[in-house]
Amino acid sequence: MASAQTASRQSGATERSAQRAETKQTRTESRADTRTSGQQERTERQGQRQQGQTERTEARQQGQTERTESRAYAAQNIANDWDGHHYDDDDDDWGWALAGAAVGATAGYIAGAATATPNYVTVLPCTPTVVPYGGVSYYGCGGTWYNRSYVDGSVTYVTVTPPPGY
């Protein structure tokens, strides 16, 4: 009878050992599945972030293109309205000065835009040499010349070619 009990215990131990091995195998497979699933989710999120970044970059570039085209259109309209002596809409001194400043600033902006990089600063890097020419003030700083302009409602100084003689 003792040997039957021993055999029964050994049989039970063998079964439990087999169950533990099977449980361990199931856990290992489950962990591997979880890791694979997590990696796939991370890869998908990374792809979504990259796509979002690409879309935002494209939207910024499109906005810049539209603003540049709008400024060029405005410059053409100003040039068409200018008759060499005064601005058609305003015959007083302010109109004259504003027309000259607008034409000069626009021409300066267009000249700067042709280089495909934003060539403006919000603060001049020095105390400038101010040279009035053709109703436009040119601001010289260490060999670089600027016209005062506005970008998004703020005063800026756009890089331009020097006035004649400088």
N, C-alpha and C. Protein backbone atom coordinates (compact mmCIF):
# COMPACT_ATOMS: atom_id res chain seq x y z
N MET A 1 0.80 -1.16 0.00
CA MET A 1 0.00 0.00 0.00
C MET A 1 0.86 1.25 0.00
N ALA A 2 1.98 1.17 0.66
CA ALA A 2 2.89 2.30 0.69
C ALA A 2 3.41 2.60 -0.70
N SER A 3 3.65 1.57 -1.49
CA SER A 3 4.16 1.83 -2.83
C SER A 3 3.08 2.42 -3.73
N ALA A 4 1.80 2.09 -3.47
CA ALA A 4 0.71 2.68 -4.25
C ALA A 4 0.59 4.16 -3.93
N GLN A 5 0.76 4.50 -2.64
CA GLN A 5 0.70 5.91 -2.26
C GLN A 5 1.89 6.67 -2.85
N THR A 6 3.03 6.05 -2.84
CA THR A 6 4.22 6.69 -3.41
C THR A 6 4.02 6.92 -4.90
N ALA A 7 3.49 5.93 -5.57
CA ALA A 7 3.24 6.05 -7.02
C ALA A 7 2.22 7.13 -7.29
N SER A 8 1.19 7.21 -6.44
CA SER A 8 0.16 8.22 -6.62
C SER A 8 0.73 9.62 -6.41
N ARG A 9 1.59 9.75 -5.38
CA ARG A 9 2.23 11.05 -5.13
C ARG A 9 3.14 11.43 -6.27
N GLN A 10 3.87 10.49 -6.79
CA GLN A 10 4.77 10.78 -7.91
C GLN A 10 3.97 11.17 -9.13
N SER A 11 2.86 10.49 -9.34
CA SER A 11 2.00 10.80 -10.49
C SER A 11 1.43 12.22 -10.34
N GLY A 12 0.98 12.56 -9.12
CA GLY A 12 0.45 13.92 -8.87
C GLY A 12 1.53 14.98 -9.05
N ALA A 13 2.73 14.67 -8.58
CA ALA A 13 3.85 15.61 -8.71
C ALA A 13 4.19 15.82 -10.18
N THR A 14 4.14 14.75 -10.94
CA THR A 14 4.44 14.85 -12.37
C THR A 14 3.38 15.70 -13.07
N GLU A 15 2.09 15.48 -12.69
CA GLU A 15 1.01 16.28 -13.28
C GLU A 15 1.17 17.76 -12.94
N ARG A 16 1.44 18.04 -11.67
CA ARG A 16 1.61 19.43 -11.26
C ARG A 16 2.80 20.08 -11.97
N SER A 17 3.87 19.33 -12.11
CA SER A 17 5.05 19.83 -12.82
C SER A 17 4.71 20.14 -14.27
N ALA A 18 3.94 19.28 -14.90
CA ALA A 18 3.53 19.50 -16.29
C ALA A 18 2.62 20.71 -16.39
N GLN A 19 1.72 20.88 -15.39
CA GLN A 19 0.82 22.04 -15.40
C GLN A 19 1.60 23.34 -15.22
N ARG A 20 2.58 23.30 -14.31
CA ARG A 20 3.41 24.49 -14.09
C ARG A 20 4.18 24.85 -15.36
N ALA A 21 4.72 23.86 -16.03
CA ALA A 21 5.46 24.10 -17.28
C ALA A 21 4.54 24.68 -18.34
N GLU A 22 3.31 24.15 -18.41
CA GLU A 22 2.35 24.65 -19.39
C GLU A 22 1.94 26.10 -19.06
N THR A 23 1.72 26.37 -17.77
CA THR A 23 1.36 27.73 -17.34
C THR A 23 2.49 28.70 -17.65
N LYS A 24 3.72 28.27 -17.36
CA LYS A 24 4.88 29.11 -17.64
C LYS A 24 4.99 29.41 -19.13
N GLN A 25 4.77 28.41 -19.96
CA GLN A 25 4.83 28.57 -21.41
C GLN A 25 3.74 29.55 -21.87
N THR A 26 2.54 29.43 -21.32
CA THR A 26 1.42 30.32 -21.68
C THR A 26 1.75 31.76 -21.30
N ARG A 27 2.31 31.97 -20.09
CA ARG A 27 2.70 33.33 -19.66
C ARG A 27 3.77 33.91 -20.58
N THR A 28 4.76 33.11 -20.93
CA THR A 28 5.83 33.57 -21.81
C THR A 28 5.27 34.01 -23.17
N GLU A 29 4.36 33.20 -23.71
CA GLU A 29 3.75 33.55 -25.00
C GLU A 29 2.91 34.81 -24.87
N SER A 30 2.18 34.94 -23.75
CA SER A 30 1.34 36.12 -23.52
C SER A 30 2.19 37.39 -23.42
N ARG A 31 3.32 37.29 -22.71
CA ARG A 31 4.21 38.45 -22.60
C ARG A 31 4.78 38.83 -23.96
N ALA A 32 5.15 37.85 -24.75
CA ALA A 32 5.69 38.12 -26.08
C ALA A 32 4.64 38.80 -26.94
N ASP A 33 3.39 38.33 -26.86
CA ASP A 33 2.29 38.95 -27.62
C ASP A 33 2.09 40.40 -27.16
N THR A 34 2.13 40.63 -25.85
CA THR A 34 1.94 41.97 -25.30
C THR A 34 3.06 42.90 -25.78
N ARG A 35 4.30 42.41 -25.75
CA ARG A 35 5.44 43.22 -26.21
C ARG A 35 5.29 43.57 -27.68
N THR A 36 4.93 42.60 -28.49
CA THR A 36 4.76 42.83 -29.92
C THR A 36 3.64 43.83 -30.17
N SER A 37 2.54 43.68 -29.47
CA SER A 37 1.41 44.59 -29.62
C SER A 37 1.81 46.01 -29.20
N GLY A 38 2.52 46.13 -28.09
CA GLY A 38 2.98 47.45 -27.62
C GLY A 38 3.91 48.10 -28.62
N GLN A 39 4.81 47.34 -29.20
CA GLN A 39 5.74 47.87 -30.19
C GLN A 39 4.98 48.35 -31.42
N GLN A 40 3.98 47.59 -31.85
CA GLN A 40 3.19 48.00 -33.01
C GLN A 40 2.45 49.30 -32.72
N GLU A 41 1.89 49.43 -31.52
CA GLU A 41 1.18 50.66 -31.15
C GLU A 41 2.14 51.85 -31.12
N ARG A 42 3.33 51.65 -30.58
CA ARG A 42 4.32 52.74 -30.55
C ARG A 42 4.70 53.16 -31.97
N THR A 43 4.89 52.19 -32.84
CA THR A 43 5.24 52.48 -34.23
C THR A 43 4.12 53.27 -34.91
N GLU A 44 2.87 52.88 -34.67
CA GLU A 44 1.73 53.60 -35.24
C GLU A 44 1.67 55.03 -34.73
N ARG A 45 1.86 55.22 -33.41
CA ARG A 45 1.83 56.58 -32.83
C ARG A 45 2.94 57.43 -33.42
N GLN A 46 4.13 56.85 -33.58
CA GLN A 46 5.24 57.60 -34.16
C GLN A 46 4.91 58.02 -35.59
N GLY A 47 4.31 57.13 -36.36
CA GLY A 47 3.90 57.46 -37.72
C GLY A 47 2.87 58.58 -37.73
N GLN A 48 1.93 58.54 -36.80
CA GLN A 48 0.91 59.59 -36.71
C GLN A 48 1.55 60.93 -36.35
N ARG A 49 2.52 60.93 -35.42
CA ARG A 49 3.21 62.17 -35.05
C ARG A 49 3.95 62.74 -36.25
N GLN A 50 4.65 61.88 -36.99
CA GLN A 50 5.40 62.35 -38.15
C GLN A 50 4.46 62.90 -39.21
N GLN A 51 3.32 62.25 -39.41
CA GLN A 51 2.35 62.74 -40.39
C GLN A 51 1.80 64.09 -39.96
N GLY A 52 1.49 64.25 -38.68
CA GLY A 52 1.00 65.53 -38.16
C GLY A 52 2.04 66.62 -38.33
N GLN A 53 3.30 66.30 -38.06
CA GLN A 53 4.36 67.28 -38.22
C GLN A 53 4.50 67.69 -39.68
N THR A 54 4.42 66.73 -40.58
CA THR A 54 4.50 67.03 -42.01
C THR A 54 3.34 67.93 -42.43
N GLU A 55 2.14 67.63 -41.96
CA GLU A 55 0.97 68.44 -42.31
C GLU A 55 1.11 69.86 -41.78
N ARG A 56 1.61 70.01 -40.55
CA ARG A 56 1.80 71.35 -39.99
C ARG A 56 2.85 72.13 -40.77
N THR A 57 3.94 71.46 -41.16
CA THR A 57 4.98 72.12 -41.94
C THR A 57 4.42 72.58 -43.28
N GLU A 58 3.65 71.72 -43.94
CA GLU A 58 3.05 72.09 -45.22
C GLU A 58 2.10 73.27 -45.07
N ALA A 59 1.32 73.29 -43.98
CA ALA A 59 0.39 74.39 -43.75
C ALA A 59 1.15 75.70 -43.52
N ARG A 60 2.26 75.65 -42.76
CA ARG A 60 3.07 76.86 -42.55
C ARG A 60 3.65 77.35 -43.86
N GLN A 61 4.16 76.44 -44.68
CA GLN A 61 4.73 76.84 -45.96
C GLN A 61 3.67 77.42 -46.89
N GLN A 62 2.48 76.84 -46.90
CA GLN A 62 1.38 77.36 -47.72
C GLN A 62 1.00 78.76 -47.25
N GLY A 63 0.91 78.96 -45.94
CA GLY A 63 0.60 80.28 -45.40
C GLY A 63 1.65 81.30 -45.79
N GLN A 64 2.92 80.93 -45.72
CA GLN A 64 4.00 81.84 -46.11
C GLN A 64 3.89 82.19 -47.59
N THR A 65 3.60 81.21 -48.43
CA THR A 65 3.44 81.46 -49.86
C THR A 65 2.28 82.42 -50.11
N GLU A 66 1.16 82.19 -49.43
CA GLU A 66 0.01 83.06 -49.61
C GLU A 66 0.31 84.49 -49.15
N ARG A 67 1.02 84.64 -48.03
CA ARG A 67 1.37 85.99 -47.56
C ARG A 67 2.31 86.67 -48.55
N THR A 68 3.29 85.94 -49.07
CA THR A 68 4.22 86.52 -50.04
C THR A 68 3.48 86.96 -51.30
N GLU A 69 2.56 86.12 -51.79
CA GLU A 69 1.79 86.48 -52.97
C GLU A 69 0.92 87.70 -52.71
N SER A 70 0.34 87.77 -51.52
CA SER A 70 -0.50 88.91 -51.16
C SER A 70 0.32 90.19 -51.12
N ARG A 71 1.52 90.12 -50.57
CA ARG A 71 2.39 91.31 -50.52
C ARG A 71 2.81 91.74 -51.93
N ALA A 72 3.11 90.78 -52.78
CA ALA A 72 3.49 91.12 -54.15
C ALA A 72 2.31 91.76 -54.87
N TYR A 73 1.09 91.27 -54.64
CA TYR A 73 -0.11 91.84 -55.24
C TYR A 73 -0.30 93.27 -54.75
N ALA A 74 -0.12 93.49 -53.43
CA ALA A 74 -0.25 94.82 -52.86
C ALA A 74 0.81 95.75 -53.44
N ALA A 75 2.03 95.27 -53.60
CA ALA A 75 3.10 96.09 -54.17
C ALA A 75 2.76 96.49 -55.60
N GLN A 76 2.18 95.58 -56.37
CA GLN A 76 1.80 95.89 -57.74
C GLN A 76 0.71 96.95 -57.75
N ASN A 77 -0.26 96.84 -56.85
CA ASN A 77 -1.33 97.84 -56.78
C ASN A 77 -0.79 99.21 -56.40
N ILE A 78 0.15 99.25 -55.45
CA ILE A 78 0.75 100.51 -55.06
C ILE A 78 1.52 101.11 -56.23
N ALA A 79 2.28 100.28 -56.92
CA ALA A 79 3.05 100.76 -58.07
C ALA A 79 2.11 101.27 -59.17
N ASN A 80 0.97 100.63 -59.38
CA ASN A 80 0.01 101.07 -60.39
C ASN A 80 -0.65 102.39 -60.00
N ASP A 81 -0.84 102.63 -58.71
CA ASP A 81 -1.48 103.85 -58.25
C ASP A 81 -0.52 105.04 -58.23
N TRP A 82 0.74 104.80 -58.20
CA TRP A 82 1.75 105.85 -58.06
C TRP A 82 1.95 106.53 -59.41
N ASP A 83 1.83 107.89 -59.44
CA ASP A 83 2.02 108.59 -60.71
C ASP A 83 3.31 109.41 -60.74
N GLY A 84 4.19 109.19 -59.79
CA GLY A 84 5.47 109.89 -59.79
C GLY A 84 5.50 111.13 -58.92
N HIS A 85 4.36 111.70 -58.55
CA HIS A 85 4.33 112.92 -57.76
C HIS A 85 3.54 112.77 -56.46
N HIS A 86 2.48 112.06 -56.53
CA HIS A 86 1.66 111.89 -55.33
C HIS A 86 0.83 110.62 -55.46
N TYR A 87 0.31 110.23 -54.37
CA TYR A 87 -0.56 109.07 -54.32
C TYR A 87 -1.95 109.55 -54.71
N ASP A 88 -2.60 108.88 -55.66
CA ASP A 88 -3.86 109.35 -56.22
C ASP A 88 -4.93 109.58 -55.15
N ASP A 89 -4.95 108.74 -54.13
CA ASP A 89 -6.03 108.82 -53.14
C ASP A 89 -5.85 109.96 -52.14
N ASP A 90 -4.66 110.53 -52.02
CA ASP A 90 -4.43 111.51 -50.97
C ASP A 90 -3.40 112.52 -51.46
N ASP A 91 -3.82 113.76 -51.61
CA ASP A 91 -2.97 114.77 -52.23
C ASP A 91 -2.20 115.61 -51.21
N ASP A 92 -2.31 115.33 -49.92
CA ASP A 92 -1.59 116.13 -48.94
C ASP A 92 -0.21 115.53 -48.66
N ASP A 93 0.57 116.21 -47.82
CA ASP A 93 1.94 115.77 -47.54
C ASP A 93 2.01 114.39 -46.92
N TRP A 94 1.06 114.06 -46.04
CA TRP A 94 1.06 112.74 -45.42
C TRP A 94 0.88 111.65 -46.47
N GLY A 95 -0.03 111.87 -47.39
CA GLY A 95 -0.26 110.89 -48.44
C GLY A 95 0.98 110.68 -49.27
N TRP A 96 1.67 111.78 -49.56
CA TRP A 96 2.89 111.72 -50.33
C TRP A 96 3.95 110.91 -49.61
N ALA A 97 4.13 111.19 -48.34
CA ALA A 97 5.14 110.48 -47.55
C ALA A 97 4.77 109.01 -47.38
N LEU A 98 3.51 108.76 -47.10
CA LEU A 98 3.09 107.37 -46.92
C LEU A 98 3.22 106.57 -48.21
N ALA A 99 2.88 107.20 -49.32
CA ALA A 99 3.01 106.49 -50.60
C ALA A 99 4.47 106.14 -50.86
N GLY A 100 5.37 107.10 -50.64
CA GLY A 100 6.79 106.83 -50.85
C GLY A 100 7.30 105.75 -49.92
N ALA A 101 6.87 105.82 -48.66
CA ALA A 101 7.30 104.80 -47.69
C ALA A 101 6.76 103.44 -48.08
N ALA A 102 5.50 103.40 -48.52
CA ALA A 102 4.91 102.12 -48.90
C ALA A 102 5.61 101.52 -50.10
N VAL A 103 5.89 102.36 -51.10
CA VAL A 103 6.57 101.86 -52.30
C VAL A 103 7.98 101.40 -51.93
N GLY A 104 8.69 102.20 -51.15
CA GLY A 104 10.05 101.83 -50.76
C GLY A 104 10.08 100.58 -49.91
N ALA A 105 9.18 100.50 -48.94
CA ALA A 105 9.15 99.33 -48.08
C ALA A 105 8.75 98.09 -48.86
N THR A 106 7.78 98.25 -49.74
CA THR A 106 7.34 97.10 -50.54
C THR A 106 8.45 96.65 -51.48
N ALA A 107 9.09 97.61 -52.14
CA ALA A 107 10.19 97.26 -53.03
C ALA A 107 11.32 96.59 -52.25
N GLY A 108 11.58 97.13 -51.08
CA GLY A 108 12.60 96.51 -50.23
C GLY A 108 12.21 95.12 -49.80
N TYR A 109 10.95 94.93 -49.47
CA TYR A 109 10.49 93.61 -49.08
C TYR A 109 10.61 92.63 -50.24
N ILE A 110 10.18 93.05 -51.42
CA ILE A 110 10.24 92.17 -52.59
C ILE A 110 11.70 91.82 -52.91
N ALA A 111 12.58 92.81 -52.82
CA ALA A 111 14.00 92.53 -53.06
C ALA A 111 14.52 91.52 -52.04
N GLY A 112 14.10 91.67 -50.80
CA GLY A 112 14.53 90.73 -49.77
C GLY A 112 13.89 89.36 -49.96
N ALA A 113 12.63 89.32 -50.39
CA ALA A 113 11.92 88.06 -50.57
C ALA A 113 12.52 87.24 -51.71
N ALA A 114 13.18 87.90 -52.66
CA ALA A 114 13.76 87.19 -53.79
C ALA A 114 14.87 86.24 -53.34
N THR A 115 15.44 86.45 -52.18
CA THR A 115 16.50 85.57 -51.70
C THR A 115 15.95 84.33 -51.00
N ALA A 116 14.63 84.26 -50.81
CA ALA A 116 13.93 83.10 -50.24
C ALA A 116 14.20 82.90 -48.74
N THR A 117 14.80 83.89 -48.08
CA THR A 117 14.93 83.82 -46.64
C THR A 117 14.37 85.11 -46.06
N PRO A 118 13.76 85.06 -44.90
CA PRO A 118 13.22 86.29 -44.35
C PRO A 118 14.36 87.23 -43.96
N ASN A 119 14.46 88.37 -44.63
CA ASN A 119 15.54 89.31 -44.40
C ASN A 119 15.02 90.54 -43.68
N TYR A 120 14.59 90.34 -42.46
CA TYR A 120 14.14 91.47 -41.69
C TYR A 120 14.50 91.25 -40.23
N VAL A 121 14.57 92.36 -39.52
CA VAL A 121 14.84 92.31 -38.09
C VAL A 121 13.81 93.18 -37.39
N THR A 122 13.57 92.92 -36.13
CA THR A 122 12.61 93.74 -35.39
C THR A 122 13.32 94.88 -34.66
N VAL A 123 14.62 94.76 -34.46
CA VAL A 123 15.41 95.80 -33.83
C VAL A 123 16.70 95.95 -34.64
N LEU A 124 17.04 97.20 -34.98
CA LEU A 124 18.28 97.41 -35.73
C LEU A 124 19.49 97.07 -34.86
N PRO A 125 20.52 96.49 -35.45
CA PRO A 125 21.67 96.04 -34.66
C PRO A 125 22.62 97.18 -34.26
N CYS A 126 22.32 98.41 -34.64
CA CYS A 126 23.19 99.53 -34.31
C CYS A 126 22.37 100.81 -34.28
N THR A 127 23.02 101.92 -33.99
CA THR A 127 22.38 103.22 -34.19
C THR A 127 22.59 103.55 -35.66
N PRO A 128 21.51 103.60 -36.44
CA PRO A 128 21.66 103.66 -37.90
C PRO A 128 22.03 105.04 -38.43
N THR A 129 22.59 105.02 -39.63
CA THR A 129 22.74 106.23 -40.43
C THR A 129 21.45 106.32 -41.24
N VAL A 130 20.70 107.41 -41.05
CA VAL A 130 19.42 107.56 -41.75
C VAL A 130 19.64 108.41 -42.98
N VAL A 131 19.26 107.88 -44.15
CA VAL A 131 19.43 108.59 -45.42
C VAL A 131 18.07 108.66 -46.10
N PRO A 132 17.49 109.88 -46.22
CA PRO A 132 16.25 110.00 -46.97
C PRO A 132 16.55 110.03 -48.47
N TYR A 133 15.81 109.28 -49.25
CA TYR A 133 16.00 109.29 -50.69
C TYR A 133 14.66 108.96 -51.35
N GLY A 134 14.19 109.83 -52.22
CA GLY A 134 12.95 109.59 -52.94
C GLY A 134 11.75 109.42 -52.02
N GLY A 135 11.71 110.15 -50.92
CA GLY A 135 10.58 110.06 -50.00
C GLY A 135 10.63 108.84 -49.09
N VAL A 136 11.74 108.10 -49.10
CA VAL A 136 11.88 106.89 -48.29
C VAL A 136 13.10 107.05 -47.41
N SER A 137 12.99 106.64 -46.16
CA SER A 137 14.14 106.66 -45.26
C SER A 137 14.85 105.32 -45.32
N TYR A 138 16.16 105.37 -45.56
CA TYR A 138 17.00 104.18 -45.54
C TYR A 138 17.80 104.21 -44.25
N TYR A 139 17.93 103.06 -43.60
CA TYR A 139 18.64 102.96 -42.34
C TYR A 139 19.87 102.08 -42.57
N GLY A 140 21.07 102.66 -42.40
CA GLY A 140 22.31 101.93 -42.64
C GLY A 140 22.96 101.48 -41.35
N CYS A 141 23.33 100.21 -41.31
CA CYS A 141 24.03 99.64 -40.16
C CYS A 141 25.18 98.77 -40.65
N GLY A 142 26.38 99.24 -40.52
CA GLY A 142 27.56 98.43 -40.84
C GLY A 142 27.54 97.83 -42.23
N GLY A 143 27.12 98.57 -43.22
CA GLY A 143 27.11 98.08 -44.60
C GLY A 143 25.82 97.41 -45.01
N THR A 144 24.89 97.19 -44.08
CA THR A 144 23.59 96.63 -44.41
C THR A 144 22.56 97.75 -44.32
N TRP A 145 21.65 97.79 -45.31
CA TRP A 145 20.65 98.86 -45.38
C TRP A 145 19.27 98.27 -45.18
N TYR A 146 18.42 99.05 -44.51
CA TYR A 146 17.06 98.61 -44.17
C TYR A 146 16.05 99.69 -44.53
N ASN A 147 14.80 99.26 -44.77
CA ASN A 147 13.64 100.15 -44.83
C ASN A 147 12.70 99.71 -43.72
N ARG A 148 12.02 100.67 -43.12
CA ARG A 148 11.05 100.33 -42.08
C ARG A 148 9.80 99.77 -42.76
N SER A 149 9.25 98.72 -42.17
CA SER A 149 8.07 98.06 -42.72
C SER A 149 7.27 97.49 -41.56
N TYR A 150 6.20 96.79 -41.90
CA TYR A 150 5.38 96.13 -40.89
C TYR A 150 5.19 94.67 -41.26
N VAL A 151 5.34 93.79 -40.29
CA VAL A 151 5.08 92.37 -40.47
C VAL A 151 4.13 91.98 -39.34
N ASP A 152 2.96 91.51 -39.71
CA ASP A 152 1.94 91.11 -38.73
C ASP A 152 1.65 92.25 -37.74
N GLY A 153 1.63 93.49 -38.23
CA GLY A 153 1.28 94.62 -37.39
C GLY A 153 2.42 95.17 -36.54
N SER A 154 3.61 94.61 -36.62
CA SER A 154 4.74 95.08 -35.82
C SER A 154 5.78 95.74 -36.73
N VAL A 155 6.44 96.78 -36.18
CA VAL A 155 7.49 97.45 -36.94
C VAL A 155 8.66 96.50 -37.13
N THR A 156 9.14 96.41 -38.35
CA THR A 156 10.31 95.61 -38.67
C THR A 156 11.18 96.42 -39.62
N TYR A 157 12.39 95.98 -39.79
CA TYR A 157 13.31 96.61 -40.73
C TYR A 157 13.72 95.57 -41.75
N VAL A 158 13.37 95.83 -43.02
CA VAL A 158 13.59 94.90 -44.11
C VAL A 158 14.91 95.23 -44.78
N THR A 159 15.73 94.22 -45.03
CA THR A 159 17.00 94.41 -45.73
C THR A 159 16.73 94.80 -47.17
N VAL A 160 17.40 95.89 -47.63
CA VAL A 160 17.23 96.39 -49.00
C VAL A 160 18.60 96.72 -49.59
N THR A 161 18.61 97.03 -50.88
CA THR A 161 19.83 97.52 -51.50
C THR A 161 20.06 98.95 -51.03
N PRO A 162 21.29 99.40 -50.98
CA PRO A 162 21.57 100.76 -50.45
C PRO A 162 20.97 101.82 -51.37
N PRO A 163 20.72 103.00 -50.81
CA PRO A 163 20.25 104.09 -51.66
C PRO A 163 21.39 104.50 -52.62
N PRO A 164 21.04 105.14 -53.73
CA PRO A 164 22.09 105.55 -54.70
C PRO A 164 23.18 106.36 -54.02
N GLY A 165 24.41 106.05 -54.34
CA GLY A 165 25.55 106.77 -53.79
C GLY A 165 26.12 106.16 -52.52
N TYR A 166 25.58 105.06 -52.04
CA TYR A 166 26.07 104.45 -50.80
C TYR A 166 26.52 103.04 -51.01
